[in-house]
Amino acid sequence: MMEQLKHYHNGSILAESDIHYSVNDVGLLRGYGVFDFFRIEDNIPLFIDDHLDRFEHSAKELNLDIPISREEIKKVVHELIRVNKLSQSSIKIVLTGGDSVDGFTPGNPNMTILNKPIMYPSAESYTVGAALMLYEHHRPFADVKSTNYLTALKLQQTWQNEGFMDVLYHTGERVWEVSRSSIFFFVDNKLITNKEGVLKGITGSKVLEACQDLFEIEIRPIDLWELISAEEVFITSTTKLVMPIVRLGDNHIGNGKPGPKTAKVREAYNAFVDSYKENA
């Protein structure tokens, strides 16, 4: 039998089967928790400080205390990379409100750091592009990466059955974000995205850095009609990287195929990641 991967849980490195959460944890009972997720490439945790900045912000916004320091988290991540020997993998840091005495009041936080294989979309997805389901919704605590994905999970079977990759949240007029990704689009040589009312995407922020000399960048609220009529649309995330979007609901984007500007963004982002690894 294959040896189990090792993970961190409340101060110890354990096999997955040895990690246990209480039925009284308010993460389970009330959905009170935050997390962050990043990838490991060639044994290097990509943009780890940016992810830990976001993780700390999420915890602070929900009044959750992180039980170990940032430096200790980094040491754990490198130890998991060493013991699991996964040169290409993922790290997920999960922090919950802990065991409750009354089923509501948080206790001492529980913290787990998982190191697992990482899954990416098929290569074909980048060649033909993907489609997004449209749904009117705005996440509560939008700038917090919480464990609450109720809306996305409720809709998952629907979007999969209808051939969509994910769901794009909007209010009928204003666009917010994809359930697990940031949204970008092109008008002429202008690359446009939003910032207010959405989660800060780490991949998206690095895309902007990588493209600052390639395109004019505009960060502002996005209207649904202008997104649908855009030349090219793409989304960014840790696992989807730079994914071209060719359809929003029943509306085709441009000619319905991935465009050259999105391909240029992908190339610039990949070079940015390579540079990060060289200097890590």
C-alpha atoms as a PDB file:
ATOM      1  CA  MET A   1       0.000   0.000   0.000  1.00  0.00           C
ATOM      2  CA  MET A   2       1.270   3.447  -0.922  1.00  0.00           C
ATOM      3  CA  GLU A   3       2.475   5.492   2.036  1.00  0.00           C
ATOM      4  CA  GLN A   4       0.137   8.321   2.981  1.00  0.00           C
ATOM      5  CA  LEU A   5       1.148  11.899   2.412  1.00  0.00           C
ATOM      6  CA  LYS A   6       2.028  13.870   5.513  1.00  0.00           C
ATOM      7  CA  HIS A   7       0.313  17.068   6.588  1.00  0.00           C
ATOM      8  CA  TYR A   8       0.513  19.542   9.453  1.00  0.00           C
ATOM      9  CA  HIS A   9      -2.231  19.656  12.076  1.00  0.00           C
ATOM     10  CA  ASN A  10      -2.114  21.688  15.297  1.00  0.00           C
ATOM     11  CA  GLY A  11       1.636  21.404  15.824  1.00  0.00           C
ATOM     12  CA  SER A  12       2.296  17.915  14.449  1.00  0.00           C
ATOM     13  CA  ILE A  13       3.194  16.349  11.086  1.00  0.00           C
ATOM     14  CA  LEU A  14       0.724  13.517  10.596  1.00  0.00           C
ATOM     15  CA  ALA A  15      -0.584  11.087   8.020  1.00  0.00           C
ATOM     16  CA  GLU A  16      -3.927  12.208   6.627  1.00  0.00           C
ATOM     17  CA  SER A  17      -5.814   9.379   8.351  1.00  0.00           C
ATOM     18  CA  ASP A  18      -4.487  10.600  11.707  1.00  0.00           C
ATOM     19  CA  ILE A  19      -5.908  14.122  11.338  1.00  0.00           C
ATOM     20  CA  HIS A  20      -9.217  14.564  13.130  1.00  0.00           C
ATOM     21  CA  TYR A  21     -11.618  17.435  13.669  1.00  0.00           C
ATOM     22  CA  SER A  22     -14.191  17.572  16.438  1.00  0.00           C
ATOM     23  CA  VAL A  23     -17.891  17.545  15.596  1.00  0.00           C
ATOM     24  CA  ASN A  24     -18.025  20.669  17.790  1.00  0.00           C
ATOM     25  CA  ASP A  25     -15.700  22.709  15.564  1.00  0.00           C
ATOM     26  CA  VAL A  26     -17.520  25.868  14.452  1.00  0.00           C
ATOM     27  CA  GLY A  27     -15.852  25.473  11.066  1.00  0.00           C
ATOM     28  CA  LEU A  28     -18.121  22.457  10.628  1.00  0.00           C
ATOM     29  CA  LEU A  29     -21.138  23.688  12.584  1.00  0.00           C
ATOM     30  CA  ARG A  30     -21.198  27.314  11.358  1.00  0.00           C
ATOM     31  CA  GLY A  31     -18.831  27.528   8.396  1.00  0.00           C
ATOM     32  CA  TYR A  32     -16.477  29.736  10.396  1.00  0.00           C
ATOM     33  CA  GLY A  33     -13.081  29.403   8.806  1.00  0.00           C
ATOM     34  CA  VAL A  34     -10.602  30.741   6.264  1.00  0.00           C
ATOM     35  CA  PHE A  35      -7.994  29.190   4.017  1.00  0.00           C
ATOM     36  CA  ASP A  36      -5.435  29.923   1.341  1.00  0.00           C
ATOM     37  CA  PHE A  37      -4.073  27.831  -1.474  1.00  0.00           C
ATOM     38  CA  PHE A  38      -0.930  28.007  -3.572  1.00  0.00           C
ATOM     39  CA  ARG A  39       1.163  25.776  -5.752  1.00  0.00           C
ATOM     40  CA  ILE A  40       4.609  24.253  -5.479  1.00  0.00           C
ATOM     41  CA  GLU A  41       6.737  24.198  -8.623  1.00  0.00           C
ATOM     42  CA  ASP A  42      10.150  22.545  -8.631  1.00  0.00           C
ATOM     43  CA  ASN A  43       9.961  22.455  -4.807  1.00  0.00           C
ATOM     44  CA  ILE A  44       9.389  26.233  -4.673  1.00  0.00           C
ATOM     45  CA  PRO A  45       6.237  27.645  -3.017  1.00  0.00           C
ATOM     46  CA  LEU A  46       5.110  30.208  -5.578  1.00  0.00           C
ATOM     47  CA  PHE A  47       4.369  33.702  -4.244  1.00  0.00           C
ATOM     48  CA  ILE A  48       4.156  32.370  -0.692  1.00  0.00           C
ATOM     49  CA  ASP A  49       4.426  35.784   0.955  1.00  0.00           C
ATOM     50  CA  ASP A  50       1.544  37.158  -1.118  1.00  0.00           C
ATOM     51  CA  HIS A  51      -0.605  34.191  -0.130  1.00  0.00           C
ATOM     52  CA  LEU A  52       0.320  34.534   3.531  1.00  0.00           C
ATOM     53  CA  ASP A  53      -0.525  38.249   3.370  1.00  0.00           C
ATOM     54  CA  ARG A  54      -3.973  37.308   2.116  1.00  0.00           C
ATOM     55  CA  PHE A  55      -4.337  34.512   4.650  1.00  0.00           C
ATOM     56  CA  GLU A  56      -3.484  36.869   7.511  1.00  0.00           C
ATOM     57  CA  HIS A  57      -5.919  39.469   6.159  1.00  0.00           C
ATOM     58  CA  SER A  58      -8.717  36.887   5.917  1.00  0.00           C
ATOM     59  CA  ALA A  59      -8.120  35.691   9.477  1.00  0.00           C
ATOM     60  CA  LYS A  60      -8.019  39.247  10.820  1.00  0.00           C
ATOM     61  CA  GLU A  61     -11.242  40.212   9.054  1.00  0.00           C
ATOM     62  CA  LEU A  62     -13.064  37.279  10.695  1.00  0.00           C
ATOM     63  CA  ASN A  63     -11.393  37.773  14.094  1.00  0.00           C
ATOM     64  CA  LEU A  64      -9.568  34.459  13.878  1.00  0.00           C
ATOM     65  CA  ASP A  65      -6.210  34.113  15.630  1.00  0.00           C
ATOM     66  CA  ILE A  66      -3.503  32.283  13.698  1.00  0.00           C
ATOM     67  CA  PRO A  67      -1.811  29.986  16.244  1.00  0.00           C
ATOM     68  CA  ILE A  68       1.674  29.967  14.667  1.00  0.00           C
ATOM     69  CA  SER A  69       3.844  32.677  13.146  1.00  0.00           C
ATOM     70  CA  ARG A  70       4.421  33.348   9.459  1.00  0.00           C
ATOM     71  CA  GLU A  71       7.978  32.030   9.731  1.00  0.00           C
ATOM     72  CA  GLU A  72       6.717  28.842  11.368  1.00  0.00           C
ATOM     73  CA  ILE A  73       4.200  28.388   8.552  1.00  0.00           C
ATOM     74  CA  LYS A  74       6.997  28.721   6.007  1.00  0.00           C
ATOM     75  CA  LYS A  75       9.099  26.145   7.859  1.00  0.00           C
ATOM     76  CA  VAL A  76       6.151  23.724   7.882  1.00  0.00           C
ATOM     77  CA  VAL A  77       5.589  24.209   4.149  1.00  0.00           C
ATOM     78  CA  HIS A  78       9.226  23.411   3.353  1.00  0.00           C
ATOM     79  CA  GLU A  79       9.171  20.420   5.703  1.00  0.00           C
ATOM     80  CA  LEU A  80       6.088  19.023   3.947  1.00  0.00           C
ATOM     81  CA  ILE A  81       7.760  19.489   0.577  1.00  0.00           C
ATOM     82  CA  ARG A  82      10.778  17.594   1.919  1.00  0.00           C
ATOM     83  CA  VAL A  83       8.948  14.664   3.484  1.00  0.00           C
ATOM     84  CA  ASN A  84       6.318  14.199   0.764  1.00  0.00           C
ATOM     85  CA  LYS A  85       8.790  14.597  -2.116  1.00  0.00           C
ATOM     86  CA  LEU A  86       6.186  16.225  -4.377  1.00  0.00           C
ATOM     87  CA  SER A  87       8.152  18.684  -6.507  1.00  0.00           C
ATOM     88  CA  GLN A  88       4.900  19.772  -8.214  1.00  0.00           C
ATOM     89  CA  SER A  89       2.048  20.016  -5.743  1.00  0.00           C
ATOM     90  CA  SER A  90      -0.252  22.290  -3.769  1.00  0.00           C
ATOM     91  CA  ILE A  91      -0.433  23.718  -0.280  1.00  0.00           C
ATOM     92  CA  LYS A  92      -3.749  24.491   1.402  1.00  0.00           C
ATOM     93  CA  ILE A  93      -3.717  26.257   4.776  1.00  0.00           C
ATOM     94  CA  VAL A  94      -7.004  25.882   6.676  1.00  0.00           C
ATOM     95  CA  LEU A  95      -7.905  27.754   9.863  1.00  0.00           C
ATOM     96  CA  THR A  96     -11.203  27.110  11.650  1.00  0.00           C
ATOM     97  CA  GLY A  97     -12.855  28.663  14.688  1.00  0.00           C
ATOM     98  CA  GLY A  98     -12.157  25.614  16.834  1.00  0.00           C
ATOM     99  CA  ASP A  99     -14.212  23.530  19.233  1.00  0.00           C
ATOM    100  CA  SER A 100     -17.267  25.253  20.679  1.00  0.00           C
ATOM    101  CA  VAL A 101     -18.782  24.685  24.110  1.00  0.00           C
ATOM    102  CA  ASP A 102     -22.258  25.714  22.931  1.00  0.00           C
ATOM    103  CA  GLY A 103     -22.235  24.987  19.202  1.00  0.00           C
ATOM    104  CA  PHE A 104     -21.820  28.667  18.327  1.00  0.00           C
ATOM    105  CA  THR A 105     -19.064  30.385  20.286  1.00  0.00           C
ATOM    106  CA  PRO A 106     -15.580  29.805  18.791  1.00  0.00           C
ATOM    107  CA  GLY A 107     -12.899  28.066  20.830  1.00  0.00           C
ATOM    108  CA  ASN A 108      -9.183  27.664  20.183  1.00  0.00           C
ATOM    109  CA  PRO A 109      -8.555  27.723  16.397  1.00  0.00           C
ATOM    110  CA  ASN A 110      -7.642  24.529  14.592  1.00  0.00           C
ATOM    111  CA  MET A 111      -5.028  24.824  11.855  1.00  0.00           C
ATOM    112  CA  THR A 112      -4.149  22.327   9.157  1.00  0.00           C
ATOM    113  CA  ILE A 113      -1.648  22.635   6.307  1.00  0.00           C
ATOM    114  CA  LEU A 114      -2.219  20.126   3.518  1.00  0.00           C
ATOM    115  CA  ASN A 115       0.337  19.191   0.858  1.00  0.00           C
ATOM    116  CA  LYS A 116      -1.285  17.331  -2.035  1.00  0.00           C
ATOM    117  CA  PRO A 117      -0.876  16.698  -5.760  1.00  0.00           C
ATOM    118  CA  ILE A 118      -2.207  19.537  -7.886  1.00  0.00           C
ATOM    119  CA  MET A 119      -4.697  19.243 -10.733  1.00  0.00           C
ATOM    120  CA  TYR A 120      -4.899  21.587 -13.711  1.00  0.00           C
ATOM    121  CA  PRO A 121      -7.467  21.889 -16.510  1.00  0.00           C
ATOM    122  CA  SER A 122      -6.765  19.914 -19.682  1.00  0.00           C
ATOM    123  CA  ALA A 123      -4.405  21.351 -22.288  1.00  0.00           C
ATOM    124  CA  GLU A 124      -7.369  21.370 -24.665  1.00  0.00           C
ATOM    125  CA  SER A 125      -9.152  23.914 -22.442  1.00  0.00           C
ATOM    126  CA  TYR A 126      -6.532  26.518 -23.279  1.00  0.00           C
ATOM    127  CA  THR A 127      -6.771  25.717 -26.995  1.00  0.00           C
ATOM    128  CA  VAL A 128     -10.556  25.895 -27.350  1.00  0.00           C
ATOM    129  CA  GLY A 129     -11.359  28.154 -24.384  1.00  0.00           C
ATOM    130  CA  ALA A 130     -13.908  27.738 -21.619  1.00  0.00           C
ATOM    131  CA  ALA A 131     -17.425  28.966 -20.838  1.00  0.00           C
ATOM    132  CA  LEU A 132     -18.836  30.508 -17.657  1.00  0.00           C
ATOM    133  CA  MET A 133     -22.327  30.220 -16.258  1.00  0.00           C
ATOM    134  CA  LEU A 134     -23.886  33.558 -15.227  1.00  0.00           C
ATOM    135  CA  TYR A 135     -25.506  33.874 -11.801  1.00  0.00           C
ATOM    136  CA  GLU A 136     -26.700  36.832  -9.752  1.00  0.00           C
ATOM    137  CA  HIS A 137     -24.832  36.734  -6.453  1.00  0.00           C
ATOM    138  CA  HIS A 138     -22.300  38.681  -4.417  1.00  0.00           C
ATOM    139  CA  ARG A 139     -20.225  36.842  -1.834  1.00  0.00           C
ATOM    140  CA  PRO A 140     -20.410  38.103   1.755  1.00  0.00           C
ATOM    141  CA  PHE A 141     -17.025  39.277   3.076  1.00  0.00           C
ATOM    142  CA  ALA A 142     -15.846  39.370  -0.523  1.00  0.00           C
ATOM    143  CA  ASP A 143     -12.255  40.272   0.385  1.00  0.00           C
ATOM    144  CA  VAL A 144     -11.973  37.232   2.669  1.00  0.00           C
ATOM    145  CA  LYS A 145     -11.000  33.779   1.415  1.00  0.00           C
ATOM    146  CA  SER A 146     -13.434  31.974   3.662  1.00  0.00           C
ATOM    147  CA  THR A 147     -14.400  28.309   3.595  1.00  0.00           C
ATOM    148  CA  ASN A 148     -17.976  29.284   2.679  1.00  0.00           C
ATOM    149  CA  TYR A 149     -18.561  28.163  -0.913  1.00  0.00           C
ATOM    150  CA  LEU A 150     -22.263  27.349  -0.533  1.00  0.00           C
ATOM    151  CA  THR A 151     -23.437  29.092  -3.702  1.00  0.00           C
ATOM    152  CA  ALA A 152     -20.737  27.605  -5.917  1.00  0.00           C
ATOM    153  CA  LEU A 153     -21.268  24.095  -4.548  1.00  0.00           C
ATOM    154  CA  LYS A 154     -25.026  24.379  -5.002  1.00  0.00           C
ATOM    155  CA  LEU A 155     -24.496  25.360  -8.647  1.00  0.00           C
ATOM    156  CA  GLN A 156     -21.650  22.984  -9.496  1.00  0.00           C
ATOM    157  CA  GLN A 157     -23.758  20.140 -10.881  1.00  0.00           C
ATOM    158  CA  THR A 158     -25.769  22.588 -12.985  1.00  0.00           C
ATOM    159  CA  TRP A 159     -22.751  24.279 -14.570  1.00  0.00           C
ATOM    160  CA  GLN A 160     -21.061  20.939 -15.228  1.00  0.00           C
ATOM    161  CA  ASN A 161     -24.194  19.507 -16.856  1.00  0.00           C
ATOM    162  CA  GLU A 162     -24.479  22.580 -19.076  1.00  0.00           C
ATOM    163  CA  GLY A 163     -20.848  22.549 -20.214  1.00  0.00           C
ATOM    164  CA  PHE A 164     -19.520  25.458 -18.167  1.00  0.00           C
ATOM    165  CA  MET A 165     -16.177  25.530 -16.363  1.00  0.00           C
ATOM    166  CA  ASP A 166     -17.386  27.679 -13.460  1.00  0.00           C
ATOM    167  CA  VAL A 167     -19.839  30.410 -12.491  1.00  0.00           C
ATOM    168  CA  LEU A 168     -19.461  34.187 -12.848  1.00  0.00           C
ATOM    169  CA  TYR A 169     -21.190  36.238 -10.156  1.00  0.00           C
ATOM    170  CA  HIS A 170     -22.906  39.499 -11.102  1.00  0.00           C
ATOM    171  CA  THR A 171     -25.783  41.724 -10.020  1.00  0.00           C
ATOM    172  CA  GLY A 172     -27.491  42.018 -13.379  1.00  0.00           C
ATOM    173  CA  GLU A 173     -25.416  45.054 -14.264  1.00  0.00           C
ATOM    174  CA  ARG A 174     -22.151  44.854 -12.330  1.00  0.00           C
ATOM    175  CA  VAL A 175     -19.737  41.945 -12.623  1.00  0.00           C
ATOM    176  CA  TRP A 176     -17.979  40.651  -9.509  1.00  0.00           C
ATOM    177  CA  GLU A 177     -15.843  37.524  -9.867  1.00  0.00           C
ATOM    178  CA  VAL A 178     -15.841  33.858 -10.766  1.00  0.00           C
ATOM    179  CA  SER A 179     -16.414  31.525  -7.799  1.00  0.00           C
ATOM    180  CA  ARG A 180     -12.695  30.671  -7.668  1.00  0.00           C
ATOM    181  CA  SER A 181     -11.086  33.064 -10.150  1.00  0.00           C
ATOM    182  CA  SER A 182     -10.558  36.706 -11.100  1.00  0.00           C
ATOM    183  CA  ILE A 183     -11.970  38.161 -14.331  1.00  0.00           C
ATOM    184  CA  PHE A 184     -10.131  40.187 -17.018  1.00  0.00           C
ATOM    185  CA  PHE A 185     -11.028  41.492 -20.470  1.00  0.00           C
ATOM    186  CA  PHE A 186      -9.598  43.516 -23.352  1.00  0.00           C
ATOM    187  CA  VAL A 187     -10.804  46.632 -25.122  1.00  0.00           C
ATOM    188  CA  ASP A 188      -8.318  47.545 -27.853  1.00  0.00           C
ATOM    189  CA  ASN A 189      -4.905  47.473 -26.134  1.00  0.00           C
ATOM    190  CA  LYS A 190      -6.396  48.054 -22.686  1.00  0.00           C
ATOM    191  CA  LEU A 191      -6.434  45.227 -20.115  1.00  0.00           C
ATOM    192  CA  ILE A 192      -9.271  45.755 -17.642  1.00  0.00           C
ATOM    193  CA  THR A 193     -10.101  44.114 -14.318  1.00  0.00           C
ATOM    194  CA  ASN A 194     -11.789  45.039 -11.040  1.00  0.00           C
ATOM    195  CA  LYS A 195     -10.679  45.297  -7.431  1.00  0.00           C
ATOM    196  CA  GLU A 196     -13.531  46.537  -5.232  1.00  0.00           C
ATOM    197  CA  GLY A 197     -15.974  43.983  -3.848  1.00  0.00           C
ATOM    198  CA  VAL A 198     -13.967  40.937  -4.886  1.00  0.00           C
ATOM    199  CA  LEU A 199     -11.252  38.700  -3.447  1.00  0.00           C
ATOM    200  CA  LYS A 200      -7.707  39.769  -4.224  1.00  0.00           C
ATOM    201  CA  GLY A 201      -6.452  37.167  -6.683  1.00  0.00           C
ATOM    202  CA  ILE A 202      -2.756  36.441  -6.297  1.00  0.00           C
ATOM    203  CA  THR A 203      -2.376  35.020  -9.801  1.00  0.00           C
ATOM    204  CA  GLY A 204      -4.305  38.001 -11.139  1.00  0.00           C
ATOM    205  CA  SER A 205      -2.048  40.476  -9.354  1.00  0.00           C
ATOM    206  CA  LYS A 206       1.016  38.744 -10.809  1.00  0.00           C
ATOM    207  CA  VAL A 207      -0.539  38.847 -14.281  1.00  0.00           C
ATOM    208  CA  LEU A 208      -0.861  42.622 -13.927  1.00  0.00           C
ATOM    209  CA  GLU A 209       2.791  42.872 -12.922  1.00  0.00           C
ATOM    210  CA  ALA A 210       3.843  40.688 -15.844  1.00  0.00           C
ATOM    211  CA  CYS A 211       1.804  42.726 -18.330  1.00  0.00           C
ATOM    212  CA  GLN A 212       2.495  46.257 -17.125  1.00  0.00           C
ATOM    213  CA  ASP A 213       4.748  46.998 -20.103  1.00  0.00           C
ATOM    214  CA  LEU A 214       2.605  45.131 -22.633  1.00  0.00           C
ATOM    215  CA  PHE A 215      -0.822  46.712 -22.239  1.00  0.00           C
ATOM    216  CA  GLU A 216      -2.487  49.743 -20.739  1.00  0.00           C
ATOM    217  CA  ILE A 217      -4.035  48.523 -17.481  1.00  0.00           C
ATOM    218  CA  GLU A 218      -7.290  49.818 -16.067  1.00  0.00           C
ATOM    219  CA  ILE A 219      -8.728  48.737 -12.694  1.00  0.00           C
ATOM    220  CA  ARG A 220     -12.347  49.733 -12.162  1.00  0.00           C
ATOM    221  CA  PRO A 221     -15.901  48.387 -11.788  1.00  0.00           C
ATOM    222  CA  ILE A 222     -17.025  46.192 -14.693  1.00  0.00           C
ATOM    223  CA  ASP A 223     -20.471  46.234 -16.337  1.00  0.00           C
ATOM    224  CA  LEU A 224     -21.881  42.923 -17.552  1.00  0.00           C
ATOM    225  CA  TRP A 225     -22.760  44.283 -20.993  1.00  0.00           C
ATOM    226  CA  GLU A 226     -19.193  45.464 -21.666  1.00  0.00           C
ATOM    227  CA  LEU A 227     -17.753  42.131 -20.576  1.00  0.00           C
ATOM    228  CA  ILE A 228     -20.075  40.258 -22.934  1.00  0.00           C
ATOM    229  CA  SER A 229     -19.126  42.568 -25.816  1.00  0.00           C
ATOM    230  CA  ALA A 230     -15.368  42.457 -25.078  1.00  0.00           C
ATOM    231  CA  GLU A 231     -12.769  41.400 -27.643  1.00  0.00           C
ATOM    232  CA  GLU A 232     -11.238  38.798 -25.334  1.00  0.00           C
ATOM    233  CA  VAL A 233     -11.980  37.577 -21.792  1.00  0.00           C
ATOM    234  CA  PHE A 234      -9.881  35.428 -19.504  1.00  0.00           C
ATOM    235  CA  ILE A 235      -9.821  34.323 -15.875  1.00  0.00           C
ATOM    236  CA  THR A 236      -6.913  33.716 -13.528  1.00  0.00           C
ATOM    237  CA  SER A 237      -6.407  31.435 -10.533  1.00  0.00           C
ATOM    238  CA  THR A 238      -3.783  29.226  -8.907  1.00  0.00           C
ATOM    239  CA  THR A 239      -4.882  26.141 -10.850  1.00  0.00           C
ATOM    240  CA  LYS A 240      -6.464  27.662 -13.979  1.00  0.00           C
ATOM    241  CA  LEU A 241      -3.496  30.026 -14.474  1.00  0.00           C
ATOM    242  CA  VAL A 242      -4.574  32.199 -17.456  1.00  0.00           C
ATOM    243  CA  MET A 243      -7.675  30.576 -18.928  1.00  0.00           C
ATOM    244  CA  PRO A 244      -9.330  32.048 -22.057  1.00  0.00           C
ATOM    245  CA  ILE A 245     -13.117  32.456 -21.820  1.00  0.00           C
ATOM    246  CA  VAL A 246     -15.018  32.215 -25.100  1.00  0.00           C
ATOM    247  CA  ARG A 247     -18.603  32.175 -23.832  1.00  0.00           C
ATOM    248  CA  LEU A 248     -20.548  33.824 -21.005  1.00  0.00           C
ATOM    249  CA  GLY A 249     -23.906  32.114 -20.609  1.00  0.00           C
ATOM    250  CA  ASP A 250     -25.310  32.009 -24.172  1.00  0.00           C
ATOM    251  CA  ASN A 251     -23.103  34.887 -25.327  1.00  0.00           C
ATOM    252  CA  HIS A 252     -19.997  34.209 -27.397  1.00  0.00           C
ATOM    253  CA  ILE A 253     -16.952  36.387 -26.792  1.00  0.00           C
ATOM    254  CA  GLY A 254     -15.442  37.823 -29.978  1.00  0.00           C
ATOM    255  CA  ASN A 255     -15.252  35.081 -32.597  1.00  0.00           C
ATOM    256  CA  GLY A 256     -15.764  32.383 -29.971  1.00  0.00           C
ATOM    257  CA  LYS A 257     -12.100  31.372 -29.913  1.00  0.00           C
ATOM    258  CA  PRO A 258      -9.161  32.209 -27.617  1.00  0.00           C
ATOM    259  CA  GLY A 259      -7.501  35.403 -28.793  1.00  0.00           C
ATOM    260  CA  PRO A 260      -3.883  36.466 -29.381  1.00  0.00           C
ATOM    261  CA  LYS A 261      -3.805  38.991 -26.525  1.00  0.00           C
ATOM    262  CA  THR A 262      -4.768  36.339 -23.974  1.00  0.00           C
ATOM    263  CA  ALA A 263      -2.047  34.097 -25.415  1.00  0.00           C
ATOM    264  CA  LYS A 264       0.405  36.972 -24.934  1.00  0.00           C
ATOM    265  CA  VAL A 265      -0.719  37.293 -21.302  1.00  0.00           C
ATOM    266  CA  ARG A 266      -0.179  33.576 -20.722  1.00  0.00           C
ATOM    267  CA  GLU A 267       3.320  33.815 -22.173  1.00  0.00           C
ATOM    268  CA  ALA A 268       4.168  36.835 -20.015  1.00  0.00           C
ATOM    269  CA  TYR A 269       2.813  35.200 -16.866  1.00  0.00           C
ATOM    270  CA  ASN A 270       4.748  31.978 -17.485  1.00  0.00           C
ATOM    271  CA  ALA A 271       7.940  34.004 -17.913  1.00  0.00           C
ATOM    272  CA  PHE A 272       7.138  35.893 -14.697  1.00  0.00           C
ATOM    273  CA  VAL A 273       6.806  32.587 -12.803  1.00  0.00           C
ATOM    274  CA  ASP A 274      10.093  31.322 -14.268  1.00  0.00           C
ATOM    275  CA  SER A 275      11.816  34.513 -13.133  1.00  0.00           C
ATOM    276  CA  TYR A 276      10.358  34.136  -9.627  1.00  0.00           C
ATOM    277  CA  LYS A 277      11.673  30.575  -9.380  1.00  0.00           C
ATOM    278  CA  GLU A 278      15.124  31.598 -10.584  1.00  0.00           C
ATOM    279  CA  ASN A 279      15.351  34.192  -7.841  1.00  0.00           C
ATOM    280  CA  ALA A 280      13.661  32.223  -5.044  1.00  0.00           C
END
